[in-house]
Amino acid sequence: MIKEDGKKTDVSVLGFEEEEDTPDSNFSLQQSLQACNNFDTARVKLEKFETSYCKRQSYHASNLQQTCCVKHIANYSRNRERRRQLDSNPRQPAS
């Protein structure tokens, strides 16, 4: 780094490098940030997929239970009605 009086200051002591020494220093930083961003985006997508998959499974499981329950009630009611009809109209023995 050059000051106004023309003297060069060593900034490497502070942990910084001059841009002239490493022109691609920002490039590797940008690559690292982009890789982290891509990883984070993929992680978020995976979490959303897992959440929607669990919700779908839960929905189908409860829907199946409801459907089976309704079918069971319908069968029970139909069989009950048949029994009533048979009880009220006993078959006449053939003579």
Protein backbone atom coordinates (compact mmCIF):
# COMPACT_ATOMS: atom_id res chain seq x y z
CA MET A 1 0.00 0.00 0.00
CA ILE A 2 1.37 3.40 -0.90
CA LYS A 3 0.70 6.37 1.35
CA GLU A 4 0.33 9.95 0.19
CA ASP A 5 3.97 10.69 1.03
CA GLY A 6 5.06 7.93 -1.40
CA LYS A 7 6.25 5.41 1.20
CA LYS A 8 5.12 1.80 0.99
CA THR A 9 3.44 0.32 4.05
CA ASP A 10 3.64 -3.40 4.78
CA VAL A 11 0.09 -4.54 5.47
CA SER A 12 1.00 -8.24 5.48
CA VAL A 13 1.87 -7.76 9.16
CA LEU A 14 -1.82 -7.12 9.79
CA GLY A 15 -2.78 -10.35 8.03
CA PHE A 16 -3.77 -8.71 4.77
CA GLU A 17 -2.10 -9.15 1.42
CA GLU A 18 -1.98 -6.52 -1.24
CA GLU A 19 -4.23 -7.14 -4.21
CA GLU A 20 -1.27 -6.89 -6.57
CA ASP A 21 0.39 -9.90 -4.90
CA THR A 22 -2.65 -12.20 -5.14
CA PRO A 23 -5.01 -11.04 -7.88
CA ASP A 24 -7.19 -14.17 -7.59
CA SER A 25 -7.75 -13.98 -3.83
CA ASN A 26 -11.35 -12.80 -4.31
CA PHE A 27 -11.96 -15.54 -6.86
CA SER A 28 -11.30 -18.34 -4.36
CA LEU A 29 -13.39 -16.52 -1.76
CA GLN A 30 -16.24 -16.23 -4.27
CA GLN A 31 -15.92 -19.93 -5.10
CA SER A 32 -16.04 -20.84 -1.42
CA LEU A 33 -19.09 -18.66 -0.83
CA GLN A 34 -20.82 -20.09 -3.88
CA ALA A 35 -20.09 -23.66 -2.75
CA CYS A 36 -21.50 -22.89 0.71
CA ASN A 37 -24.54 -21.26 -0.84
CA ASN A 38 -25.12 -24.24 -3.16
CA PHE A 39 -24.77 -26.65 -0.24
CA ASP A 40 -27.21 -24.62 1.87
CA THR A 41 -29.71 -24.45 -1.01
CA ALA A 42 -29.49 -28.22 -1.49
CA ARG A 43 -29.96 -28.76 2.25
CA VAL A 44 -33.08 -26.58 2.31
CA LYS A 45 -34.53 -28.40 -0.72
CA LEU A 46 -33.85 -31.76 0.92
CA GLU A 47 -35.54 -30.66 4.15
CA LYS A 48 -38.59 -29.43 2.20
CA PHE A 49 -38.73 -32.74 0.32
CA GLU A 50 -38.50 -34.75 3.55
CA THR A 51 -41.20 -32.62 5.16
CA SER A 52 -43.56 -32.93 2.21
CA TYR A 53 -42.86 -36.67 2.02
CA CYS A 54 -43.71 -37.12 5.71
CA LYS A 55 -46.87 -35.04 5.29
CA ARG A 56 -47.86 -37.11 2.26
CA GLN A 57 -47.28 -40.35 4.14
CA SER A 58 -49.28 -39.09 7.10
CA TYR A 59 -52.09 -37.90 4.83
CA HIS A 60 -52.29 -41.22 2.99
CA ALA A 61 -52.18 -43.18 6.23
CA SER A 62 -55.01 -41.17 7.78
CA ASN A 63 -56.95 -41.19 4.52
CA LEU A 64 -56.59 -44.97 4.33
CA GLN A 65 -57.79 -45.33 7.92
CA GLN A 66 -60.77 -43.10 7.23
CA THR A 67 -61.61 -44.97 4.04
CA CYS A 68 -61.36 -48.36 5.72
CA CYS A 69 -63.46 -47.15 8.62
CA VAL A 70 -66.16 -45.86 6.28
CA LYS A 71 -66.12 -49.13 4.33
CA HIS A 72 -66.32 -51.10 7.56
CA ILE A 73 -69.29 -49.02 8.76
CA ALA A 74 -71.01 -49.39 5.38
CA ASN A 75 -70.52 -53.18 5.41
CA TYR A 76 -71.73 -53.39 9.01
CA SER A 77 -74.86 -51.36 8.20
CA ARG A 78 -75.62 -53.39 5.09
CA ASN A 79 -75.20 -56.70 6.94
CA ARG A 80 -77.30 -55.41 9.83
CA GLU A 81 -80.10 -54.47 7.43
CA ARG A 82 -79.95 -57.92 5.82
CA ARG A 83 -80.22 -59.58 9.22
CA ARG A 84 -83.26 -57.45 10.07
CA GLN A 85 -84.95 -58.44 6.85
CA LEU A 86 -84.22 -62.11 7.44
CA ASP A 87 -85.50 -61.90 11.02
CA SER A 88 -88.70 -60.12 10.03
CA ASN A 89 -89.41 -62.45 7.07
CA PRO A 90 -88.50 -65.94 8.21
CA ARG A 91 -88.57 -68.45 5.43
CA GLN A 92 -91.70 -70.57 5.31
CA PRO A 93 -90.97 -74.28 5.44
CA ALA A 94 -92.07 -75.99 2.27
CA SER A 95 -94.96 -78.42 2.97
